[in-house]
N, C-alpha and C. Protein backbone atom coordinates (compact mmCIF):
# COMPACT_ATOMS: atom_id res chain seq x y z
N MET A 1 -42.98 53.72 -100.91
CA MET A 1 -42.02 54.52 -99.99
C MET A 1 -40.82 53.87 -99.79
N LYS A 2 -39.36 54.46 -99.65
CA LYS A 2 -38.19 53.69 -99.48
C LYS A 2 -37.81 54.27 -97.54
N LEU A 3 -37.05 53.42 -97.27
CA LEU A 3 -36.40 54.23 -96.13
C LEU A 3 -34.83 54.02 -96.46
N LEU A 4 -34.29 55.53 -96.71
CA LEU A 4 -32.65 55.60 -96.87
C LEU A 4 -32.36 55.56 -95.71
N VAL A 5 -30.78 54.64 -95.72
CA VAL A 5 -29.92 54.73 -94.65
C VAL A 5 -28.78 55.13 -94.88
N ILE A 6 -28.10 56.00 -94.84
CA ILE A 6 -26.61 56.42 -94.65
C ILE A 6 -25.63 56.35 -93.62
N ILE A 7 -24.48 55.77 -93.70
CA ILE A 7 -23.75 55.61 -92.29
C ILE A 7 -22.28 56.19 -93.01
N ILE A 8 -22.06 57.32 -92.23
CA ILE A 8 -20.86 58.24 -92.50
C ILE A 8 -20.15 58.69 -91.37
N ASN A 9 -18.94 59.42 -91.60
CA ASN A 9 -17.95 59.92 -90.71
C ASN A 9 -18.71 61.12 -90.28
N ARG A 10 -18.88 61.05 -88.91
CA ARG A 10 -19.72 62.11 -88.33
C ARG A 10 -19.59 63.51 -88.72
N GLU A 11 -18.26 63.72 -89.08
CA GLU A 11 -18.07 65.30 -89.54
C GLU A 11 -18.60 65.37 -91.02
N PHE A 12 -19.09 64.31 -91.53
CA PHE A 12 -19.63 64.84 -92.91
C PHE A 12 -21.23 64.93 -92.53
N ALA A 13 -21.86 64.64 -91.56
CA ALA A 13 -23.39 64.56 -91.39
C ALA A 13 -24.00 65.77 -91.72
N GLU A 14 -23.51 66.96 -91.70
CA GLU A 14 -24.34 67.92 -91.87
C GLU A 14 -24.20 68.46 -93.55
N LYS A 15 -23.26 67.67 -94.07
CA LYS A 15 -23.07 67.85 -95.47
C LYS A 15 -24.12 67.20 -96.20
N TYR A 16 -24.42 66.03 -95.82
CA TYR A 16 -25.28 64.84 -96.03
C TYR A 16 -26.78 65.38 -95.93
N THR A 17 -27.07 65.75 -94.95
CA THR A 17 -28.31 66.37 -94.78
C THR A 17 -28.64 67.50 -95.40
N ASN A 18 -28.05 68.43 -95.63
CA ASN A 18 -28.00 69.39 -96.60
C ASN A 18 -27.94 68.66 -98.14
N ILE A 19 -27.45 67.55 -98.77
CA ILE A 19 -27.99 67.14 -99.82
C ILE A 19 -29.52 66.50 -100.09
N LEU A 20 -29.51 65.97 -98.89
CA LEU A 20 -31.01 65.32 -98.88
C LEU A 20 -32.05 66.43 -98.82
N ASN A 21 -31.75 67.48 -98.20
CA ASN A 21 -32.37 68.69 -97.70
C ASN A 21 -32.85 69.27 -99.35
N LYS A 22 -31.73 69.63 -100.12
CA LYS A 22 -32.11 70.05 -101.72
C LYS A 22 -32.74 69.29 -102.56
N GLU A 23 -32.88 67.77 -102.39
CA GLU A 23 -33.61 66.96 -103.31
C GLU A 23 -34.76 66.27 -102.45
N SER A 24 -35.17 66.55 -101.57
CA SER A 24 -36.47 65.76 -100.74
C SER A 24 -36.63 66.89 -99.92
N ASP A 25 -38.44 66.90 -100.05
CA ASP A 25 -38.98 67.60 -98.85
C ASP A 25 -38.83 66.88 -97.51
N LYS A 26 -38.36 65.75 -97.43
CA LYS A 26 -38.57 64.95 -96.04
C LYS A 26 -37.60 65.39 -95.14
N PHE A 27 -37.83 65.03 -93.96
CA PHE A 27 -36.77 65.26 -92.90
C PHE A 27 -36.18 64.16 -92.65
N GLN A 28 -34.69 64.58 -91.97
CA GLN A 28 -34.01 63.27 -91.49
C GLN A 28 -33.39 63.27 -89.97
N PHE A 29 -33.55 61.88 -90.08
CA PHE A 29 -33.20 61.34 -88.33
C PHE A 29 -31.77 61.34 -88.44
N VAL A 30 -30.82 62.00 -87.79
CA VAL A 30 -29.49 62.10 -87.65
C VAL A 30 -29.23 60.86 -86.14
N LEU A 31 -28.49 59.69 -86.51
CA LEU A 31 -28.47 59.42 -85.12
C LEU A 31 -26.79 59.10 -85.11
N LEU A 32 -26.48 59.28 -83.61
CA LEU A 32 -24.93 59.15 -83.59
C LEU A 32 -24.82 58.03 -83.19
N GLY A 33 -23.27 57.31 -83.89
CA GLY A 33 -22.90 56.11 -83.63
C GLY A 33 -21.33 55.86 -83.44
N GLN A 34 -21.00 54.69 -82.83
CA GLN A 34 -19.18 54.61 -82.39
C GLN A 34 -19.45 53.07 -82.69
N GLY A 35 -18.73 52.90 -83.43
CA GLY A 35 -18.14 51.17 -83.79
C GLY A 35 -17.52 50.63 -82.47
N THR A 36 -18.05 49.19 -82.92
CA THR A 36 -17.86 48.48 -81.39
C THR A 36 -16.57 47.77 -81.48
N ALA A 37 -15.94 47.67 -82.78
CA ALA A 37 -14.68 46.47 -83.01
C ALA A 37 -13.34 47.35 -82.13
N SER A 38 -12.88 45.78 -81.77
CA SER A 38 -11.65 46.00 -80.47
C SER A 38 -10.56 46.68 -81.54
N SER A 39 -9.66 47.43 -80.79
CA SER A 39 -8.59 48.24 -81.26
C SER A 39 -7.46 47.19 -82.16
N GLU A 40 -7.70 45.94 -81.57
CA GLU A 40 -6.97 44.96 -82.28
C GLU A 40 -7.15 44.65 -83.37
N ILE A 41 -8.74 44.38 -83.80
CA ILE A 41 -9.26 44.27 -85.03
C ILE A 41 -8.96 45.31 -85.97
N LEU A 42 -9.33 46.25 -85.50
CA LEU A 42 -9.23 48.26 -86.23
C LEU A 42 -7.46 47.93 -86.49
N ASP A 43 -6.23 47.60 -85.90
CA ASP A 43 -5.05 47.54 -86.14
C ASP A 43 -4.88 46.50 -87.24
N TYR A 44 -5.51 45.72 -87.11
CA TYR A 44 -5.61 44.14 -88.03
C TYR A 44 -5.54 44.63 -89.45
N PHE A 45 -6.65 45.17 -89.70
CA PHE A 45 -7.35 46.02 -90.90
C PHE A 45 -6.79 47.11 -90.90
N GLY A 46 -6.06 47.76 -90.40
CA GLY A 46 -5.58 49.09 -90.87
C GLY A 46 -6.95 50.10 -90.84
N LEU A 47 -7.77 50.23 -89.92
CA LEU A 47 -8.69 50.96 -89.75
C LEU A 47 -8.59 52.08 -88.52
N ALA A 48 -9.00 53.01 -88.70
CA ALA A 48 -8.92 53.93 -87.61
C ALA A 48 -10.45 54.28 -86.63
N ARG A 49 -10.29 54.47 -85.65
CA ARG A 49 -11.55 54.27 -84.68
C ARG A 49 -12.03 55.72 -84.87
N LYS A 50 -13.61 55.73 -85.71
CA LYS A 50 -14.12 57.05 -85.99
C LYS A 50 -15.71 56.87 -85.75
N ASP A 51 -15.93 58.11 -85.14
CA ASP A 51 -17.28 58.31 -84.53
C ASP A 51 -18.33 58.54 -86.26
N LYS A 52 -19.34 57.51 -85.90
CA LYS A 52 -20.45 57.65 -87.09
C LYS A 52 -21.50 58.49 -87.01
N ALA A 53 -22.06 58.86 -87.89
CA ALA A 53 -23.70 59.29 -87.98
C ALA A 53 -24.07 58.30 -88.78
N VAL A 54 -25.61 58.30 -88.66
CA VAL A 54 -26.66 57.46 -89.50
C VAL A 54 -27.73 58.17 -89.59
N ILE A 55 -27.86 58.46 -91.01
CA ILE A 55 -28.56 59.19 -91.23
C ILE A 55 -29.99 58.44 -92.14
N ILE A 56 -31.07 58.79 -91.54
CA ILE A 56 -32.53 57.72 -91.95
C ILE A 56 -33.51 58.85 -92.44
N CYS A 57 -33.53 58.60 -93.59
CA CYS A 57 -34.77 59.28 -94.40
C CYS A 57 -35.79 58.55 -95.39
N LEU A 58 -37.13 58.95 -95.42
CA LEU A 58 -37.88 58.27 -96.24
C LEU A 58 -38.16 59.02 -97.49
N LEU A 59 -38.00 58.53 -98.53
CA LEU A 59 -37.97 58.65 -99.84
C LEU A 59 -39.25 58.35 -100.52
N THR A 60 -39.68 58.85 -101.73
CA THR A 60 -40.65 57.72 -102.45
C THR A 60 -39.72 57.73 -103.70
N GLU A 61 -40.69 56.51 -104.40
CA GLU A 61 -39.68 55.55 -105.23
C GLU A 61 -39.28 56.52 -106.52
N ALA A 62 -40.19 57.77 -106.88
CA ALA A 62 -39.36 58.40 -107.88
C ALA A 62 -38.29 59.29 -107.30
N GLU A 63 -38.31 59.67 -106.20
CA GLU A 63 -36.92 60.52 -105.55
C GLU A 63 -35.63 59.57 -105.48
N THR A 64 -35.98 58.23 -105.08
CA THR A 64 -35.09 57.58 -104.69
C THR A 64 -33.84 57.44 -105.82
N PRO A 65 -34.10 57.21 -106.88
CA PRO A 65 -32.73 57.16 -108.02
C PRO A 65 -31.98 58.65 -107.96
N THR A 66 -32.60 59.80 -107.85
CA THR A 66 -32.06 60.74 -108.14
C THR A 66 -31.19 61.17 -106.86
N VAL A 67 -31.64 60.80 -105.41
CA VAL A 67 -30.74 61.17 -104.40
C VAL A 67 -29.98 59.88 -104.10
N LEU A 68 -29.69 58.82 -104.69
CA LEU A 68 -28.58 57.93 -104.65
C LEU A 68 -27.67 58.03 -105.71
N ASP A 69 -27.81 58.75 -107.05
CA ASP A 69 -27.11 59.20 -107.91
C ASP A 69 -26.16 60.40 -107.38
N LEU A 70 -26.52 61.25 -106.97
CA LEU A 70 -26.04 62.40 -106.08
C LEU A 70 -25.29 61.76 -104.84
N LEU A 71 -25.64 61.10 -104.33
CA LEU A 71 -25.08 60.34 -103.35
C LEU A 71 -23.57 59.52 -103.92
N ASN A 72 -23.70 58.87 -104.89
CA ASN A 72 -22.69 58.20 -105.46
C ASN A 72 -21.68 58.96 -106.37
N ASN A 73 -21.99 60.68 -106.30
CA ASN A 73 -21.00 61.66 -106.53
C ASN A 73 -20.16 61.77 -105.69
N GLU A 74 -20.52 61.82 -104.48
CA GLU A 74 -19.58 62.31 -103.12
C GLU A 74 -18.47 61.21 -103.34
N LYS A 75 -17.33 61.61 -102.96
CA LYS A 75 -15.89 61.27 -102.99
C LYS A 75 -15.97 60.35 -101.60
N GLU A 76 -17.09 60.53 -100.82
CA GLU A 76 -16.64 59.87 -99.40
C GLU A 76 -17.26 58.42 -99.69
N PHE A 77 -18.18 58.49 -100.87
CA PHE A 77 -18.78 56.95 -101.17
C PHE A 77 -17.49 56.21 -101.94
N HIS A 78 -16.50 56.64 -102.46
CA HIS A 78 -15.50 56.23 -103.28
C HIS A 78 -14.33 55.63 -102.40
N ARG A 79 -14.48 55.86 -101.07
CA ARG A 79 -12.98 55.54 -100.30
C ARG A 79 -13.32 54.54 -99.29
N PRO A 80 -12.33 53.77 -99.42
CA PRO A 80 -12.35 52.57 -98.35
C PRO A 80 -12.99 53.03 -96.93
N GLY A 81 -13.88 52.70 -96.05
CA GLY A 81 -14.28 52.98 -94.75
C GLY A 81 -14.93 54.62 -94.85
N GLY A 82 -15.16 54.95 -95.95
CA GLY A 82 -15.85 56.49 -96.43
C GLY A 82 -17.23 56.44 -95.83
N ALA A 83 -17.91 55.74 -96.57
CA ALA A 83 -19.67 55.93 -96.45
C ALA A 83 -20.44 54.86 -96.92
N VAL A 84 -21.83 54.46 -96.76
CA VAL A 84 -22.39 53.43 -97.03
C VAL A 84 -23.82 53.91 -97.12
N ALA A 85 -24.63 53.85 -98.26
CA ALA A 85 -26.03 54.22 -98.34
C ALA A 85 -26.69 53.16 -98.77
N PHE A 86 -27.73 52.89 -98.30
CA PHE A 86 -28.77 51.83 -99.03
C PHE A 86 -30.05 51.87 -98.71
N THR A 87 -31.00 51.52 -99.42
CA THR A 87 -32.67 51.73 -99.05
C THR A 87 -33.05 50.50 -98.90
N VAL A 88 -34.23 50.70 -98.23
CA VAL A 88 -35.23 49.32 -98.09
C VAL A 88 -36.59 49.76 -98.44
N LYS A 89 -37.29 48.54 -99.19
CA LYS A 89 -38.59 49.08 -99.41
C LYS A 89 -39.36 49.14 -98.39
N LEU A 90 -40.54 49.65 -98.05
CA LEU A 90 -40.98 49.89 -97.05
C LEU A 90 -42.76 49.44 -97.75
N THR A 91 -42.97 48.25 -98.25
CA THR A 91 -43.94 47.68 -99.08
C THR A 91 -45.19 47.53 -98.00
N ASN A 92 -44.89 47.10 -96.74
CA ASN A 92 -45.83 46.61 -95.74
C ASN A 92 -46.00 47.80 -94.54
N ILE A 93 -45.69 48.96 -94.68
CA ILE A 93 -45.76 49.55 -93.97
C ILE A 93 -47.57 50.08 -93.12
N ASN A 94 -47.06 50.09 -92.09
CA ASN A 94 -48.75 50.44 -91.58
C ASN A 94 -49.01 51.57 -91.73
N LYS A 95 -50.24 51.49 -92.06
CA LYS A 95 -50.84 53.07 -92.33
C LYS A 95 -50.64 54.21 -91.27
N HIS A 96 -51.20 53.71 -90.22
CA HIS A 96 -50.90 54.52 -89.03
C HIS A 96 -49.81 54.97 -88.81
N CYS A 97 -48.60 54.33 -88.92
CA CYS A 97 -47.28 54.37 -88.57
C CYS A 97 -46.83 55.81 -89.97
N PHE A 98 -47.39 55.28 -91.14
CA PHE A 98 -47.08 56.40 -92.03
C PHE A 98 -47.89 57.60 -91.71
N ASP A 99 -49.06 57.83 -91.02
CA ASP A 99 -49.50 59.18 -90.72
C ASP A 99 -48.97 59.61 -90.04
N LEU A 100 -48.41 58.98 -89.07
CA LEU A 100 -47.78 59.78 -87.67
C LEU A 100 -46.51 60.18 -88.30
N VAL A 101 -45.62 59.57 -88.98
CA VAL A 101 -44.19 60.13 -89.60
C VAL A 101 -44.84 60.94 -90.73
N LYS A 102 -45.96 60.97 -91.43
CA LYS A 102 -46.40 62.26 -92.26
C LYS A 102 -46.73 63.38 -91.40
N SER A 103 -47.50 63.18 -90.43
CA SER A 103 -47.87 64.18 -89.24
C SER A 103 -46.93 65.17 -88.77
N LEU A 104 -45.72 64.46 -88.47
CA LEU A 104 -44.38 64.61 -87.47
C LEU A 104 -43.56 65.63 -88.56
N SER A 105 -43.45 65.02 -89.80
CA SER A 105 -43.11 65.94 -90.79
C SER A 105 -43.39 67.05 -91.16
N ASN A 106 -44.80 67.29 -91.13
CA ASN A 106 -45.64 68.05 -91.46
C ASN A 106 -45.40 69.33 -90.41
N LYS A 107 -45.37 68.99 -89.21
CA LYS A 107 -45.25 69.83 -87.83
C LYS A 107 -43.66 70.41 -87.93
N LEU A 108 -42.96 69.57 -88.14
CA LEU A 108 -41.36 70.24 -88.38
C LEU A 108 -41.45 71.20 -89.37
N GLU A 109 -41.97 70.82 -90.64
CA GLU A 109 -41.87 71.80 -91.68
C GLU A 109 -42.31 73.20 -91.72
N ASN A 110 -43.46 73.22 -90.70
CA ASN A 110 -44.14 74.38 -90.33
C ASN A 110 -43.36 74.91 -89.40
N ASN A 111 -42.82 74.29 -88.20
CA ASN A 111 -41.83 74.78 -87.17
C ASN A 111 -40.87 75.78 -88.04
N ASN A 112 -40.20 75.04 -89.18
CA ASN A 112 -39.03 75.67 -89.72
C ASN A 112 -39.45 76.63 -90.54
N GLU A 113 -40.70 76.78 -91.09
CA GLU A 113 -40.89 78.37 -91.71
C GLU A 113 -40.90 79.70 -91.30
């Protein structure tokens, strides 16, 4: 299992959850974020303050390359300040936590049907 984390401008959150829904039967958590850099730092680097979304999703080893390739094809990942995605391998995940996440995933899927 791998934990996929995507950091994207908030207005693109729905686009990326839809991409994940097409390629994975997993559910995602979308967290709303806001940068903490001061306006002076943003001005210095020529950046605009933008609200962000952090999308978190569990993927299997087999799903990971396909999902990352799909994300790499999106234009936001090729613009400075556009998007960031990375995975973290969950080799030591506690079985109890995994069972809990799996149970929640099944409940959400059943509710959506």
